[in-house]
């Protein structure tokens, strides 16, 4: 049985053989070893996707992202490959979905109006707004607001990573946290990164309890949507709604840091 030390040594040998000697067999072995990352990321991206989006398409796009990550990765930088690759794989999946143009422009605009209304209202209130308050801000009923959130959960690829991008870019749906070599960070970059993490923690702490629970279980505990639904005794669609609301609030709360 191969232990973790032997596996790490073997991977180091494969990286050296491919990057220094251009050995194609080593590249193929690296692809085979890291292929499970694609399926893992597909499962994370799929939280808000409608049923008509095939997971096989995500895996196809993600496989291209994995190939790109292997080509671009520099083992000498000291960054863990999995961390680097996940950002590339997710970005490739989102870019592929955007190329399908499966979300109508009218829906994108309506989603954007919900984000803007939530952000402006919560800035005025200095706290998380209730569904009733947001619906009133939008000039619609609570039932209609909930339906729009449900539609949004089925049409937007929203993720916690989105809060690190530019919230004023209504077309940017492939935002991922920049993966940098921490050893190369200058003091200014490191201070900015620390500030963002602190502000994100504060923003998560201000979320309504059920939204905060979804964020914690999904991103920090690694549970699937179905598992969270079981824990919270709600439907998977309700979990997606709560997740969508949470990400909208977090994007608004952290907009000033981008």
C-alpha atoms as a PDB file:
ATOM      1  CA  UNK A   1       0.000   0.000   0.000  1.00  0.00           C
ATOM      2  CA  UNK A   2       1.404   3.384  -1.036  1.00  0.00           C
ATOM      3  CA  UNK A   3       1.503   5.920   1.795  1.00  0.00           C
ATOM      4  CA  UNK A   4       1.160   9.687   1.546  1.00  0.00           C
ATOM      5  CA  UNK A   5       4.925  10.264   1.559  1.00  0.00           C
ATOM      6  CA  UNK A   6       5.476   7.869  -1.337  1.00  0.00           C
ATOM      7  CA  UNK A   7       2.601   9.450  -3.274  1.00  0.00           C
ATOM      8  CA  UNK A   8       4.039  12.940  -2.777  1.00  0.00           C
ATOM      9  CA  UNK A   9       7.468  11.714  -3.902  1.00  0.00           C
ATOM     10  CA  UNK A  10       5.972  10.108  -7.000  1.00  0.00           C
ATOM     11  CA  UNK A  11       4.093  13.316  -7.872  1.00  0.00           C
ATOM     12  CA  UNK A  12       7.264  15.366  -7.466  1.00  0.00           C
ATOM     13  CA  UNK A  13       8.993  13.026  -9.889  1.00  0.00           C
ATOM     14  CA  UNK A  14       6.143  13.356 -12.396  1.00  0.00           C
ATOM     15  CA  UNK A  15       6.202  17.158 -12.192  1.00  0.00           C
ATOM     16  CA  UNK A  16       9.956  17.248 -12.717  1.00  0.00           C
ATOM     17  CA  UNK A  17       9.795  14.827 -15.649  1.00  0.00           C
ATOM     18  CA  UNK A  18       7.085  16.838 -17.366  1.00  0.00           C
ATOM     19  CA  UNK A  19       8.211  20.387 -16.621  1.00  0.00           C
ATOM     20  CA  UNK A  20      11.950  19.810 -17.116  1.00  0.00           C
ATOM     21  CA  UNK A  21      11.978  17.073 -19.747  1.00  0.00           C
ATOM     22  CA  UNK A  22       8.584  17.496 -21.424  1.00  0.00           C
ATOM     23  CA  UNK A  23       7.720  13.847 -20.836  1.00  0.00           C
ATOM     24  CA  UNK A  24       4.171  13.333 -22.173  1.00  0.00           C
ATOM     25  CA  UNK A  25       3.648  10.106 -20.229  1.00  0.00           C
ATOM     26  CA  UNK A  26       4.265  12.026 -16.989  1.00  0.00           C
ATOM     27  CA  UNK A  27       1.722  14.632 -18.061  1.00  0.00           C
ATOM     28  CA  UNK A  28      -0.862  11.921 -18.720  1.00  0.00           C
ATOM     29  CA  UNK A  29      -0.179  10.420 -15.291  1.00  0.00           C
ATOM     30  CA  UNK A  30      -0.649  13.831 -13.671  1.00  0.00           C
ATOM     31  CA  UNK A  31      -3.956  14.288 -15.489  1.00  0.00           C
ATOM     32  CA  UNK A  32      -5.150  10.869 -14.307  1.00  0.00           C
ATOM     33  CA  UNK A  33      -4.119  11.581 -10.717  1.00  0.00           C
ATOM     34  CA  UNK A  34      -5.826  14.973 -10.499  1.00  0.00           C
ATOM     35  CA  UNK A  35      -8.923  14.103 -12.569  1.00  0.00           C
ATOM     36  CA  UNK A  36     -11.099  13.658  -9.418  1.00  0.00           C
ATOM     37  CA  UNK A  37     -10.680  17.399  -8.787  1.00  0.00           C
ATOM     38  CA  UNK A  38     -12.877  18.074 -11.821  1.00  0.00           C
ATOM     39  CA  UNK A  39     -15.773  16.025 -10.474  1.00  0.00           C
ATOM     40  CA  UNK A  40     -15.363  17.642  -7.051  1.00  0.00           C
ATOM     41  CA  UNK A  41     -15.546  21.165  -8.474  1.00  0.00           C
ATOM     42  CA  UNK A  42     -18.487  20.215 -10.711  1.00  0.00           C
ATOM     43  CA  UNK A  43     -20.423  19.197  -7.625  1.00  0.00           C
ATOM     44  CA  UNK A  44     -19.672  22.550  -5.973  1.00  0.00           C
ATOM     45  CA  UNK A  45     -20.541  24.640  -9.039  1.00  0.00           C
ATOM     46  CA  UNK A  46     -23.803  22.775  -9.587  1.00  0.00           C
ATOM     47  CA  UNK A  47     -25.453  24.084  -6.393  1.00  0.00           C
ATOM     48  CA  UNK A  48     -27.596  26.613  -8.269  1.00  0.00           C
ATOM     49  CA  UNK A  49     -27.730  25.201 -11.774  1.00  0.00           C
ATOM     50  CA  UNK A  50     -31.045  24.231 -13.383  1.00  0.00           C
ATOM     51  CA  UNK A  51     -31.663  20.581 -14.153  1.00  0.00           C
ATOM     52  CA  UNK A  52     -31.280  21.128 -17.895  1.00  0.00           C
ATOM     53  CA  UNK A  53     -27.553  21.813 -17.433  1.00  0.00           C
ATOM     54  CA  UNK A  54     -25.816  18.462 -17.764  1.00  0.00           C
ATOM     55  CA  UNK A  55     -23.088  17.674 -15.230  1.00  0.00           C
ATOM     56  CA  UNK A  56     -21.219  16.050 -18.098  1.00  0.00           C
ATOM     57  CA  UNK A  57     -20.880  19.473 -19.716  1.00  0.00           C
ATOM     58  CA  UNK A  58     -19.391  20.849 -16.512  1.00  0.00           C
ATOM     59  CA  UNK A  59     -16.906  17.999 -16.354  1.00  0.00           C
ATOM     60  CA  UNK A  60     -15.962  18.603 -19.983  1.00  0.00           C
ATOM     61  CA  UNK A  61     -15.309  22.280 -19.392  1.00  0.00           C
ATOM     62  CA  UNK A  62     -13.531  21.517 -16.125  1.00  0.00           C
ATOM     63  CA  UNK A  63     -11.241  18.988 -17.800  1.00  0.00           C
ATOM     64  CA  UNK A  64     -10.027  21.750 -20.081  1.00  0.00           C
ATOM     65  CA  UNK A  65      -9.386  23.854 -16.986  1.00  0.00           C
ATOM     66  CA  UNK A  66      -7.363  21.024 -15.454  1.00  0.00           C
ATOM     67  CA  UNK A  67      -5.230  20.704 -18.591  1.00  0.00           C
ATOM     68  CA  UNK A  68      -4.638  24.455 -18.544  1.00  0.00           C
ATOM     69  CA  UNK A  69      -3.678  24.325 -14.865  1.00  0.00           C
ATOM     70  CA  UNK A  70      -1.163  21.541 -15.457  1.00  0.00           C
ATOM     71  CA  UNK A  71       0.369  23.462 -18.354  1.00  0.00           C
ATOM     72  CA  UNK A  72       0.666  26.711 -16.403  1.00  0.00           C
ATOM     73  CA  UNK A  73       1.569  25.380 -12.972  1.00  0.00           C
ATOM     74  CA  UNK A  74       5.058  26.102 -11.647  1.00  0.00           C
ATOM     75  CA  UNK A  75       6.007  23.606  -8.891  1.00  0.00           C
ATOM     76  CA  UNK A  76       8.876  25.864  -7.822  1.00  0.00           C
ATOM     77  CA  UNK A  77       6.550  28.572  -6.516  1.00  0.00           C
ATOM     78  CA  UNK A  78       5.537  26.610  -3.461  1.00  0.00           C
ATOM     79  CA  UNK A  79       1.771  26.786  -4.123  1.00  0.00           C
ATOM     80  CA  UNK A  80      -0.218  23.592  -3.658  1.00  0.00           C
ATOM     81  CA  UNK A  81      -1.388  22.383  -7.065  1.00  0.00           C
ATOM     82  CA  UNK A  82      -4.890  21.483  -5.875  1.00  0.00           C
ATOM     83  CA  UNK A  83      -5.473  25.052  -4.701  1.00  0.00           C
ATOM     84  CA  UNK A  84      -4.246  26.496  -7.987  1.00  0.00           C
ATOM     85  CA  UNK A  85      -6.126  23.980 -10.127  1.00  0.00           C
ATOM     86  CA  UNK A  86      -9.499  24.360  -8.419  1.00  0.00           C
ATOM     87  CA  UNK A  87      -9.595  28.055  -9.360  1.00  0.00           C
ATOM     88  CA  UNK A  88      -8.705  27.230 -12.980  1.00  0.00           C
ATOM     89  CA  UNK A  89     -11.210  24.382 -13.201  1.00  0.00           C
ATOM     90  CA  UNK A  90     -14.054  26.432 -11.769  1.00  0.00           C
ATOM     91  CA  UNK A  91     -13.243  29.354 -14.049  1.00  0.00           C
ATOM     92  CA  UNK A  92     -13.315  27.065 -17.096  1.00  0.00           C
ATOM     93  CA  UNK A  93     -16.691  25.655 -16.053  1.00  0.00           C
ATOM     94  CA  UNK A  94     -18.240  29.086 -15.583  1.00  0.00           C
ATOM     95  CA  UNK A  95     -16.788  30.351 -18.857  1.00  0.00           C
ATOM     96  CA  UNK A  96     -18.258  27.307 -20.586  1.00  0.00           C
ATOM     97  CA  UNK A  97     -21.684  27.918 -19.074  1.00  0.00           C
ATOM     98  CA  UNK A  98     -21.586  31.569 -20.099  1.00  0.00           C
ATOM     99  CA  UNK A  99     -20.754  30.559 -23.668  1.00  0.00           C
ATOM    100  CA  UNK A 100     -23.985  28.520 -23.698  1.00  0.00           C
ATOM    101  CA  UNK A 101     -25.882  31.774 -23.047  1.00  0.00           C
ATOM    102  CA  UNK A 102     -28.492  29.882 -21.028  1.00  0.00           C
ATOM    103  CA  UNK A 103     -29.587  32.896 -18.976  1.00  0.00           C
ATOM    104  CA  UNK A 104     -31.726  35.485 -20.851  1.00  0.00           C
ATOM    105  CA  UNK A 105     -30.603  39.121 -20.652  1.00  0.00           C
ATOM    106  CA  UNK A 106     -33.906  40.099 -19.030  1.00  0.00           C
ATOM    107  CA  UNK A 107     -33.288  37.609 -16.225  1.00  0.00           C
ATOM    108  CA  UNK A 108     -29.747  38.899 -15.702  1.00  0.00           C
ATOM    109  CA  UNK A 109     -31.101  42.451 -15.373  1.00  0.00           C
ATOM    110  CA  UNK A 110     -33.773  41.389 -12.899  1.00  0.00           C
ATOM    111  CA  UNK A 111     -31.181  39.516 -10.840  1.00  0.00           C
ATOM    112  CA  UNK A 112     -29.005  42.617 -10.842  1.00  0.00           C
ATOM    113  CA  UNK A 113     -31.892  44.771  -9.587  1.00  0.00           C
ATOM    114  CA  UNK A 114     -32.345  42.455  -6.593  1.00  0.00           C
ATOM    115  CA  UNK A 115     -28.638  42.684  -5.745  1.00  0.00           C
ATOM    116  CA  UNK A 116     -28.621  46.483  -5.999  1.00  0.00           C
ATOM    117  CA  UNK A 117     -31.797  46.910  -3.930  1.00  0.00           C
ATOM    118  CA  UNK A 118     -30.495  44.586  -1.208  1.00  0.00           C
ATOM    119  CA  UNK A 119     -27.142  46.333  -1.061  1.00  0.00           C
ATOM    120  CA  UNK A 120     -28.610  49.860  -0.896  1.00  0.00           C
ATOM    121  CA  UNK A 121     -31.236  48.920   1.684  1.00  0.00           C
ATOM    122  CA  UNK A 122     -28.808  47.136   3.997  1.00  0.00           C
ATOM    123  CA  UNK A 123     -26.336  50.014   3.736  1.00  0.00           C
ATOM    124  CA  UNK A 124     -29.094  52.359   4.936  1.00  0.00           C
ATOM    125  CA  UNK A 125     -30.298  50.042   7.693  1.00  0.00           C
ATOM    126  CA  UNK A 126     -26.861  49.009   8.882  1.00  0.00           C
ATOM    127  CA  UNK A 127     -28.053  45.408   9.222  1.00  0.00           C
ATOM    128  CA  UNK A 128     -29.446  42.498   7.245  1.00  0.00           C
ATOM    129  CA  UNK A 129     -32.809  43.367   5.729  1.00  0.00           C
ATOM    130  CA  UNK A 130     -35.809  41.072   6.063  1.00  0.00           C
ATOM    131  CA  UNK A 131     -37.592  39.585   3.051  1.00  0.00           C
ATOM    132  CA  UNK A 132     -40.481  41.959   3.692  1.00  0.00           C
ATOM    133  CA  UNK A 133     -38.194  45.010   3.671  1.00  0.00           C
ATOM    134  CA  UNK A 134     -36.428  43.973   0.475  1.00  0.00           C
ATOM    135  CA  UNK A 135     -39.745  43.240  -1.245  1.00  0.00           C
ATOM    136  CA  UNK A 136     -41.019  46.677  -0.231  1.00  0.00           C
ATOM    137  CA  UNK A 137     -37.813  48.258  -1.563  1.00  0.00           C
ATOM    138  CA  UNK A 138     -38.413  46.513  -4.890  1.00  0.00           C
ATOM    139  CA  UNK A 139     -42.085  47.457  -4.905  1.00  0.00           C
ATOM    140  CA  UNK A 140     -43.298  43.866  -5.077  1.00  0.00           C
ATOM    141  CA  UNK A 141     -45.004  41.385  -2.754  1.00  0.00           C
ATOM    142  CA  UNK A 142     -43.059  39.010  -0.531  1.00  0.00           C
ATOM    143  CA  UNK A 143     -44.373  36.059  -2.538  1.00  0.00           C
ATOM    144  CA  UNK A 144     -43.108  37.617  -5.759  1.00  0.00           C
ATOM    145  CA  UNK A 145     -39.755  38.375  -4.129  1.00  0.00           C
ATOM    146  CA  UNK A 146     -39.408  34.759  -2.996  1.00  0.00           C
ATOM    147  CA  UNK A 147     -40.254  33.574  -6.495  1.00  0.00           C
ATOM    148  CA  UNK A 148     -37.595  35.855  -7.949  1.00  0.00           C
ATOM    149  CA  UNK A 149     -35.039  34.493  -5.500  1.00  0.00           C
ATOM    150  CA  UNK A 150     -36.003  30.968  -6.531  1.00  0.00           C
ATOM    151  CA  UNK A 151     -35.627  31.912 -10.201  1.00  0.00           C
ATOM    152  CA  UNK A 152     -32.308  33.560  -9.418  1.00  0.00           C
ATOM    153  CA  UNK A 153     -31.095  30.445  -7.622  1.00  0.00           C
ATOM    154  CA  UNK A 154     -31.843  28.500 -10.802  1.00  0.00           C
ATOM    155  CA  UNK A 155     -30.269  30.929 -13.237  1.00  0.00           C
ATOM    156  CA  UNK A 156     -27.167  32.390 -11.629  1.00  0.00           C
ATOM    157  CA  UNK A 157     -23.893  30.693 -10.819  1.00  0.00           C
ATOM    158  CA  UNK A 158     -23.406  32.323  -7.444  1.00  0.00           C
ATOM    159  CA  UNK A 159     -20.647  31.305  -5.083  1.00  0.00           C
ATOM    160  CA  UNK A 160     -18.909  32.611  -2.027  1.00  0.00           C
ATOM    161  CA  UNK A 161     -15.888  33.211  -4.268  1.00  0.00           C
ATOM    162  CA  UNK A 162     -17.981  35.809  -6.110  1.00  0.00           C
ATOM    163  CA  UNK A 163     -17.668  38.281  -3.266  1.00  0.00           C
ATOM    164  CA  UNK A 164     -13.980  38.758  -4.052  1.00  0.00           C
ATOM    165  CA  UNK A 165     -14.670  39.979  -7.564  1.00  0.00           C
ATOM    166  CA  UNK A 166     -16.049  43.254  -8.792  1.00  0.00           C
ATOM    167  CA  UNK A 167     -19.673  43.462  -7.608  1.00  0.00           C
ATOM    168  CA  UNK A 168     -20.319  46.307 -10.016  1.00  0.00           C
ATOM    169  CA  UNK A 169     -19.572  44.042 -12.971  1.00  0.00           C
ATOM    170  CA  UNK A 170     -23.000  42.600 -13.711  1.00  0.00           C
ATOM    171  CA  UNK A 171     -21.606  40.335 -16.417  1.00  0.00           C
ATOM    172  CA  UNK A 172     -18.827  38.780 -14.397  1.00  0.00           C
ATOM    173  CA  UNK A 173     -19.916  35.367 -13.211  1.00  0.00           C
ATOM    174  CA  UNK A 174     -16.598  33.550 -13.197  1.00  0.00           C
ATOM    175  CA  UNK A 175     -14.977  35.316 -10.294  1.00  0.00           C
ATOM    176  CA  UNK A 176     -12.507  33.277  -8.299  1.00  0.00           C
ATOM    177  CA  UNK A 177     -10.121  34.201  -5.559  1.00  0.00           C
ATOM    178  CA  UNK A 178      -6.685  34.902  -7.024  1.00  0.00           C
ATOM    179  CA  UNK A 179      -4.324  32.160  -5.960  1.00  0.00           C
ATOM    180  CA  UNK A 180      -0.945  33.691  -5.295  1.00  0.00           C
ATOM    181  CA  UNK A 181       2.329  32.418  -3.910  1.00  0.00           C
ATOM    182  CA  UNK A 182       2.068  33.568  -0.314  1.00  0.00           C
ATOM    183  CA  UNK A 183       5.857  33.648  -0.097  1.00  0.00           C
ATOM    184  CA  UNK A 184       5.844  36.330  -2.784  1.00  0.00           C
ATOM    185  CA  UNK A 185       3.289  38.623  -1.154  1.00  0.00           C
ATOM    186  CA  UNK A 186       4.537  42.093  -0.366  1.00  0.00           C
ATOM    187  CA  UNK A 187       3.378  43.723   2.913  1.00  0.00           C
ATOM    188  CA  UNK A 188       0.656  45.757   1.154  1.00  0.00           C
ATOM    189  CA  UNK A 189      -0.820  42.703  -0.580  1.00  0.00           C
ATOM    190  CA  UNK A 190      -0.699  40.687   2.618  1.00  0.00           C
ATOM    191  CA  UNK A 191      -2.426  43.446   4.600  1.00  0.00           C
ATOM    192  CA  UNK A 192      -5.151  43.738   1.950  1.00  0.00           C
ATOM    193  CA  UNK A 193      -5.689  39.971   1.942  1.00  0.00           C
ATOM    194  CA  UNK A 194      -5.939  39.918   5.739  1.00  0.00           C
ATOM    195  CA  UNK A 195      -8.438  42.796   5.681  1.00  0.00           C
ATOM    196  CA  UNK A 196     -10.632  41.006   3.159  1.00  0.00           C
ATOM    197  CA  UNK A 197     -10.678  37.838   5.236  1.00  0.00           C
ATOM    198  CA  UNK A 198     -11.555  39.791   8.371  1.00  0.00           C
ATOM    199  CA  UNK A 199     -14.347  41.698   6.638  1.00  0.00           C
ATOM    200  CA  UNK A 200     -15.718  38.502   5.115  1.00  0.00           C
ATOM    201  CA  UNK A 201     -15.827  36.887   8.561  1.00  0.00           C
ATOM    202  CA  UNK A 202     -17.683  39.920   9.948  1.00  0.00           C
ATOM    203  CA  UNK A 203     -20.123  39.930   7.022  1.00  0.00           C
ATOM    204  CA  UNK A 204     -20.861  36.226   7.481  1.00  0.00           C
ATOM    205  CA  UNK A 205     -21.420  36.871  11.187  1.00  0.00           C
ATOM    206  CA  UNK A 206     -24.092  39.472  10.344  1.00  0.00           C
ATOM    207  CA  UNK A 207     -26.077  37.120   8.097  1.00  0.00           C
ATOM    208  CA  UNK A 208     -29.483  35.903   9.277  1.00  0.00           C
ATOM    209  CA  UNK A 209     -29.050  32.672  11.226  1.00  0.00           C
ATOM    210  CA  UNK A 210     -30.320  30.237   8.583  1.00  0.00           C
ATOM    211  CA  UNK A 211     -28.301  31.840   5.787  1.00  0.00           C
ATOM    212  CA  UNK A 212     -25.192  31.788   7.973  1.00  0.00           C
ATOM    213  CA  UNK A 213     -25.793  28.106   8.693  1.00  0.00           C
ATOM    214  CA  UNK A 214     -25.987  27.269   4.982  1.00  0.00           C
ATOM    215  CA  UNK A 215     -22.730  29.116   4.287  1.00  0.00           C
ATOM    216  CA  UNK A 216     -21.006  27.360   7.187  1.00  0.00           C
ATOM    217  CA  UNK A 217     -22.215  23.875   6.285  1.00  0.00           C
ATOM    218  CA  UNK A 218     -21.548  24.228   2.570  1.00  0.00           C
ATOM    219  CA  UNK A 219     -18.203  26.035   2.465  1.00  0.00           C
ATOM    220  CA  UNK A 220     -16.601  25.203   5.789  1.00  0.00           C
ATOM    221  CA  UNK A 221     -18.040  21.773   6.619  1.00  0.00           C
ATOM    222  CA  UNK A 222     -18.133  20.561   3.021  1.00  0.00           C
ATOM    223  CA  UNK A 223     -21.704  19.232   3.074  1.00  0.00           C
ATOM    224  CA  UNK A 224     -23.684  18.814  -0.127  1.00  0.00           C
ATOM    225  CA  UNK A 225     -26.971  20.622  -0.756  1.00  0.00           C
ATOM    226  CA  UNK A 226     -28.912  17.420  -0.075  1.00  0.00           C
ATOM    227  CA  UNK A 227     -27.052  16.873   3.184  1.00  0.00           C
ATOM    228  CA  UNK A 228     -27.708  20.452   4.296  1.00  0.00           C
ATOM    229  CA  UNK A 229     -31.384  20.042   3.416  1.00  0.00           C
ATOM    230  CA  UNK A 230     -31.506  16.950   5.632  1.00  0.00           C
ATOM    231  CA  UNK A 231     -29.786  18.737   8.534  1.00  0.00           C
ATOM    232  CA  UNK A 232     -32.065  21.778   8.285  1.00  0.00           C
ATOM    233  CA  UNK A 233     -35.171  19.716   7.511  1.00  0.00           C
ATOM    234  CA  UNK A 234     -35.983  21.757   4.397  1.00  0.00           C
ATOM    235  CA  UNK A 235     -36.003  21.051   0.671  1.00  0.00           C
ATOM    236  CA  UNK A 236     -32.829  21.317  -1.461  1.00  0.00           C
ATOM    237  CA  UNK A 237     -34.460  24.206  -3.355  1.00  0.00           C
ATOM    238  CA  UNK A 238     -34.881  26.070  -0.068  1.00  0.00           C
ATOM    239  CA  UNK A 239     -31.185  25.577   0.664  1.00  0.00           C
ATOM    240  CA  UNK A 240     -30.381  27.065  -2.758  1.00  0.00           C
ATOM    241  CA  UNK A 241     -32.619  30.056  -1.966  1.00  0.00           C
ATOM    242  CA  UNK A 242     -30.864  30.675   1.351  1.00  0.00           C
ATOM    243  CA  UNK A 243     -27.471  30.306  -0.322  1.00  0.00           C
ATOM    244  CA  UNK A 244     -28.435  32.814  -3.011  1.00  0.00           C
ATOM    245  CA  UNK A 245     -29.659  35.363  -0.473  1.00  0.00           C
ATOM    246  CA  UNK A 246     -26.471  34.963   1.569  1.00  0.00           C
ATOM    247  CA  UNK A 247     -24.158  35.526  -1.400  1.00  0.00           C
ATOM    248  CA  UNK A 248     -26.160  38.596  -2.468  1.00  0.00           C
ATOM    249  CA  UNK A 249     -25.733  40.093   0.999  1.00  0.00           C
ATOM    250  CA  UNK A 250     -22.028  39.245   1.167  1.00  0.00           C
ATOM    251  CA  UNK A 251     -21.314  40.783  -2.229  1.00  0.00           C
ATOM    252  CA  UNK A 252     -22.995  43.980  -1.142  1.00  0.00           C
ATOM    253  CA  UNK A 253     -21.246  44.045   2.232  1.00  0.00           C
ATOM    254  CA  UNK A 254     -17.783  43.638   0.706  1.00  0.00           C
ATOM    255  CA  UNK A 255     -18.280  45.807  -2.384  1.00  0.00           C
ATOM    256  CA  UNK A 256     -16.198  48.633  -0.915  1.00  0.00           C
ATOM    257  CA  UNK A 257     -13.118  46.409  -0.662  1.00  0.00           C
ATOM    258  CA  UNK A 258     -12.821  45.728  -4.396  1.00  0.00           C
END
